[in-house]
Amino acid sequence: MVELSHYQRIIVGVDGSKQARLALEKAIAVAQRNQAALFIVSVLDLGKLIGVGQAQFGFGALDQEVLDEVKSKMERRVASYHDLAIKAGVPRVEMHVTFGNPKLELAKNLPSLFKADLIILGATGSNAVSRMLMGSNASYVVANAQIDVIIVRTDSTNETG
């Protein structure tokens, strides 16, 4: 019989999607079962926010007020996830919301920062053409992370939505 790893420091990436919520539920269960620290992270992609807002600085400008609102909204969502994990009995829960390249942050920078031994992400919701053009965050993390990665496709009862 193969002995499974005892994970101690788990990162779960969230972005507000249904797939991320499924990943969060599984991450809470794994963290609780292992009595592990859980780091709930959201990386807001500046590239996808270019042109959002009312700034008068020309094409591609970012409105700081809009960026602050986007970050604040995600921080509130992540705080609610934090509360869920605490109520479920996860011994240590931390939140991290930042701007950056989600692929690089999730695959390399955040695992190093938090000394993580597991990353849990929701499966991508984008279609095949979109994945070929952009690549999904999940597939990039699977290919490039130096630690274990779990991609979640089902709910807590292992049923597909």
Protein backbone atom coordinates (compact mmCIF):
# COMPACT_ATOMS: atom_id res chain seq x y z
CA MET A 1 0.00 0.00 0.00
CA VAL A 2 1.33 3.44 -0.94
CA GLU A 3 1.55 5.92 1.92
CA LEU A 4 0.12 9.32 1.05
CA SER A 5 1.89 12.52 1.95
CA HIS A 6 0.95 14.36 5.08
CA TYR A 7 0.54 17.89 3.80
CA GLN A 8 1.39 20.71 6.19
CA ARG A 9 1.11 23.92 4.14
CA ILE A 10 -1.59 24.09 1.46
CA ILE A 11 -2.27 26.85 -1.07
CA VAL A 12 -5.70 27.13 -2.66
CA GLY A 13 -6.13 29.55 -5.55
CA VAL A 14 -9.47 31.32 -5.81
CA ASP A 15 -10.86 33.72 -8.40
CA GLY A 16 -14.58 33.87 -7.66
CA SER A 17 -15.52 31.11 -10.10
CA LYS A 18 -17.57 28.00 -9.38
CA GLN A 19 -14.49 25.85 -10.03
CA ALA A 20 -12.50 27.83 -7.46
CA ARG A 21 -15.27 27.38 -4.90
CA LEU A 22 -15.10 23.61 -5.43
CA ALA A 23 -11.31 23.77 -4.96
CA LEU A 24 -11.79 25.75 -1.76
CA GLU A 25 -14.17 23.14 -0.34
CA LYS A 26 -11.71 20.35 -1.10
CA ALA A 27 -8.78 22.37 0.25
CA ILE A 28 -10.61 22.97 3.52
CA ALA A 29 -11.27 19.23 3.84
CA VAL A 30 -7.63 18.32 3.10
CA ALA A 31 -6.30 20.98 5.49
CA GLN A 32 -8.66 19.84 8.24
CA ARG A 33 -7.79 16.16 7.74
CA ASN A 34 -4.03 16.93 7.83
CA GLN A 35 -4.28 19.67 10.49
CA ALA A 36 -2.41 21.79 7.93
CA ALA A 37 -2.04 25.52 7.41
CA LEU A 38 -4.25 26.80 4.58
CA PHE A 39 -3.28 29.80 2.45
CA ILE A 40 -6.23 31.15 0.48
CA VAL A 41 -4.78 33.17 -2.39
CA SER A 42 -6.14 35.25 -5.23
CA VAL A 43 -3.91 36.73 -7.91
CA LEU A 44 -5.60 39.50 -9.84
CA ASP A 45 -4.29 39.61 -13.40
CA LEU A 46 -3.45 43.21 -14.36
CA GLY A 47 -3.34 42.20 -18.03
CA LYS A 48 -7.04 41.42 -17.92
CA LEU A 49 -7.83 44.70 -16.19
CA ILE A 50 -6.15 47.06 -18.69
CA GLY A 51 -8.59 49.65 -19.98
CA VAL A 52 -10.97 49.23 -17.05
CA GLY A 53 -12.15 52.50 -15.55
CA GLN A 54 -12.21 56.15 -16.50
CA ALA A 55 -8.50 57.14 -16.56
CA GLN A 56 -7.54 59.80 -19.11
CA PHE A 57 -3.98 58.58 -19.66
CA GLY A 58 -4.56 56.89 -23.00
CA PHE A 59 -5.02 53.34 -24.22
CA GLY A 60 -4.16 50.66 -21.73
CA ALA A 61 -4.33 52.92 -18.70
CA LEU A 62 -5.43 51.53 -15.38
CA ASP A 63 -7.67 53.53 -13.08
CA GLN A 64 -6.28 53.16 -9.53
CA GLU A 65 -9.71 53.64 -7.99
CA VAL A 66 -11.09 50.76 -10.06
CA LEU A 67 -8.09 48.55 -9.17
CA ASP A 68 -8.60 49.31 -5.49
CA GLU A 69 -12.28 48.38 -5.78
CA VAL A 70 -11.50 45.11 -7.60
CA LYS A 71 -8.95 44.19 -4.93
CA SER A 72 -11.28 45.19 -2.10
CA LYS A 73 -14.10 43.08 -3.54
CA MET A 74 -11.82 40.03 -3.80
CA GLU A 75 -10.48 40.63 -0.28
CA ARG A 76 -14.06 40.52 1.05
CA ARG A 77 -14.72 37.27 -0.80
CA VAL A 78 -11.48 35.71 0.46
CA ALA A 79 -12.32 36.86 4.00
CA SER A 80 -15.59 34.93 3.77
CA TYR A 81 -13.63 31.87 2.61
CA HIS A 82 -11.27 32.37 5.56
CA ASP A 83 -14.24 32.30 7.94
CA LEU A 84 -15.52 29.06 6.34
CA ALA A 85 -12.15 27.38 6.87
CA ILE A 86 -11.92 28.51 10.50
CA LYS A 87 -15.46 27.25 11.19
CA ALA A 88 -14.52 23.90 9.61
CA GLY A 89 -11.68 23.52 12.08
CA VAL A 90 -8.64 24.34 9.96
CA PRO A 91 -5.99 25.23 12.55
CA ARG A 92 -4.30 28.06 10.64
CA VAL A 93 -5.75 30.08 7.78
CA GLU A 94 -4.11 33.01 6.00
CA MET A 95 -5.35 35.19 3.14
CA HIS A 96 -3.31 36.72 0.35
CA VAL A 97 -4.78 38.92 -2.42
CA THR A 98 -2.36 40.53 -4.84
CA PHE A 99 -1.90 41.73 -8.41
CA GLY A 100 0.36 39.80 -10.77
CA ASN A 101 0.63 36.98 -13.27
CA PRO A 102 -1.51 34.17 -11.80
CA LYS A 103 0.45 31.45 -13.59
CA LEU A 104 3.82 32.51 -12.21
CA GLU A 105 2.54 33.44 -8.78
CA LEU A 106 0.70 30.15 -8.29
CA ALA A 107 3.38 27.90 -9.79
CA LYS A 108 6.51 29.47 -8.34
CA ASN A 109 6.35 32.59 -6.16
CA LEU A 110 3.58 31.77 -3.69
CA PRO A 111 4.69 28.18 -3.01
CA SER A 112 8.13 29.55 -2.18
CA LEU A 113 6.76 32.43 -0.08
CA PHE A 114 4.53 30.16 1.99
CA LYS A 115 6.85 27.11 1.92
CA ALA A 116 3.85 25.15 0.65
CA ASP A 117 3.81 21.44 -0.09
CA LEU A 118 0.48 21.32 -1.99
CA ILE A 119 -1.43 23.55 -4.41
CA ILE A 120 -5.16 23.03 -4.99
CA LEU A 121 -6.87 24.71 -7.95
CA GLY A 122 -10.18 24.45 -9.73
CA ALA A 123 -10.20 23.08 -13.25
CA THR A 124 -10.33 25.74 -15.92
CA GLY A 125 -13.67 26.94 -17.16
CA SER A 126 -12.34 28.24 -20.46
CA ASN A 127 -13.02 26.46 -23.74
CA ALA A 128 -10.46 24.54 -25.81
CA VAL A 129 -9.71 27.46 -28.18
CA SER A 130 -9.13 29.83 -25.28
CA ARG A 131 -6.80 27.33 -23.59
CA MET A 132 -4.76 26.94 -26.79
CA LEU A 133 -4.36 30.68 -27.20
CA MET A 134 -3.78 31.68 -23.58
CA GLY A 135 -3.18 28.43 -21.74
CA SER A 136 -4.98 27.88 -18.50
CA ASN A 137 -3.56 28.81 -15.13
CA ALA A 138 -4.21 25.28 -13.91
CA SER A 139 -2.34 23.59 -16.77
CA TYR A 140 0.61 25.96 -16.35
CA VAL A 141 0.79 25.27 -12.62
CA VAL A 142 0.61 21.50 -13.17
CA ALA A 143 3.46 21.70 -15.69
CA ASN A 144 5.70 24.08 -13.73
CA ALA A 145 5.13 23.76 -9.97
CA GLN A 146 7.79 21.96 -7.96
CA ILE A 147 5.26 20.64 -5.43
CA ASP A 148 2.13 18.47 -5.63
CA VAL A 149 -0.88 19.97 -7.42
CA ILE A 150 -4.49 18.84 -7.18
CA ILE A 151 -6.94 19.98 -9.85
CA VAL A 152 -10.52 19.85 -8.60
CA ARG A 153 -13.39 19.00 -10.94
CA THR A 154 -16.00 17.72 -8.46
CA ASP A 155 -17.79 18.89 -5.34
CA SER A 156 -17.19 17.58 -1.82
CA THR A 157 -19.26 14.45 -2.59
CA ASN A 158 -17.24 13.86 -5.79
CA GLU A 159 -20.19 14.75 -8.01
CA THR A 160 -19.70 16.85 -11.12
CA GLY A 161 -21.70 20.06 -11.25
